[in-house]
Protein backbone atom coordinates (compact mmCIF):
# COMPACT_ATOMS: atom_id res chain seq x y z
CA MET A 1 -35.50 -15.35 -26.45
CA GLU A 2 -35.01 -17.10 -22.91
CA LYS A 3 -32.96 -19.98 -24.13
CA ARG A 4 -30.92 -18.24 -25.99
CA LEU A 5 -29.92 -15.99 -22.98
CA GLN A 6 -29.13 -18.66 -21.02
CA LYS A 7 -26.94 -19.73 -23.35
CA GLU A 8 -25.05 -16.95 -23.83
CA TYR A 9 -25.03 -15.97 -20.25
CA GLY A 10 -23.67 -19.31 -19.48
CA LYS A 11 -20.95 -18.43 -21.39
CA CYS A 12 -19.89 -14.85 -19.83
CA PRO A 13 -18.44 -14.45 -16.64
CA ALA A 14 -17.89 -11.56 -17.51
CA TYR A 15 -21.80 -10.05 -16.39
CA SER A 16 -20.55 -9.83 -13.02
CA GLN A 17 -18.54 -6.67 -14.50
CA ASN A 18 -20.74 -5.44 -16.94
CA ILE A 19 -23.46 -5.69 -13.93
CA LYS A 20 -21.39 -3.51 -11.94
CA LYS A 21 -19.75 -1.36 -14.98
CA ALA A 22 -23.77 -0.21 -14.47
CA ARG A 23 -24.71 0.12 -11.28
CA ASN A 24 -21.45 3.00 -11.04
CA LYS A 25 -22.60 4.42 -14.16
CA LEU A 26 -26.18 4.88 -11.83
CA GLY A 27 -24.29 6.21 -9.23
CA LEU A 28 -25.55 3.42 -7.02
CA THR A 29 -23.97 1.54 -4.00
CA GLN A 30 -25.15 -2.15 -3.83
CA ASP A 31 -27.48 -1.47 -0.93
CA ASP A 32 -29.12 0.73 -3.42
CA LEU A 33 -29.35 -2.04 -5.61
CA VAL A 34 -30.46 -4.46 -3.07
CA ARG A 35 -33.09 -2.17 -2.37
CA LYS A 36 -34.38 -1.49 -5.66
CA SER A 37 -34.15 -5.29 -7.05
CA GLY A 38 -34.71 -7.36 -4.24
CA VAL A 39 -31.92 -9.43 -4.56
CA LYS A 40 -30.33 -10.26 -1.92
CA HIS A 41 -27.44 -8.09 -0.41
CA THR A 42 -25.13 -11.57 -0.26
CA THR A 43 -26.62 -12.38 -3.51
CA LEU A 44 -25.23 -9.11 -5.56
CA THR A 45 -21.49 -9.65 -3.25
CA LYS A 46 -21.19 -12.54 -4.63
CA ILE A 47 -21.82 -12.27 -8.54
CA GLU A 48 -19.93 -9.28 -8.33
CA SER A 49 -17.01 -10.58 -6.89
CA ASN A 50 -17.53 -13.42 -9.29
CA VAL A 51 -17.75 -16.22 -6.11
CA VAL A 52 -21.26 -16.76 -7.87
CA ILE A 53 -19.78 -17.36 -11.89
CA LYS A 54 -23.25 -18.81 -13.10
CA PRO A 55 -26.46 -16.55 -10.88
CA SER A 56 -30.22 -17.54 -12.13
CA VAL A 57 -31.47 -16.04 -14.94
CA GLN A 58 -33.85 -14.80 -13.00
CA THR A 59 -32.13 -13.20 -10.33
CA VAL A 60 -29.88 -11.68 -13.33
CA ALA A 61 -34.01 -10.26 -14.52
CA LYS A 62 -34.05 -8.63 -11.79
CA ILE A 63 -30.68 -6.82 -11.17
CA ALA A 64 -31.43 -5.22 -15.21
CA LYS A 65 -35.03 -4.13 -14.49
CA ALA A 66 -33.96 -2.41 -11.26
CA LEU A 67 -31.22 -0.90 -13.42
CA GLY A 68 -33.32 -0.14 -16.56
CA VAL A 69 -31.07 -2.13 -18.76
CA PRO A 70 -32.48 -5.11 -21.14
CA MET A 71 -31.03 -8.42 -19.65
CA GLU A 72 -29.08 -8.56 -23.16
CA ASP A 73 -26.76 -5.62 -22.28
CA LEU A 74 -25.29 -7.67 -18.83
CA VAL A 75 -24.74 -10.91 -19.90
CA LYS A 76 -21.70 -9.34 -23.29
């Protein structure tokens, strides 16, 4: 499954918007998500603003877990 996710996720730059939407839907600030996920604030900011176009699968997995959504929801 991880290889499939890596392929899909590399093709979908819109995942940054999906992360932001999921975070906002839960009423979380970036600081809240940073605390819950363990991802650095600068990393999250760069992901959400499309500066980092392809973060690691591990980073996306941490964010998905903190948001309580499957990783697949963030990469579609």
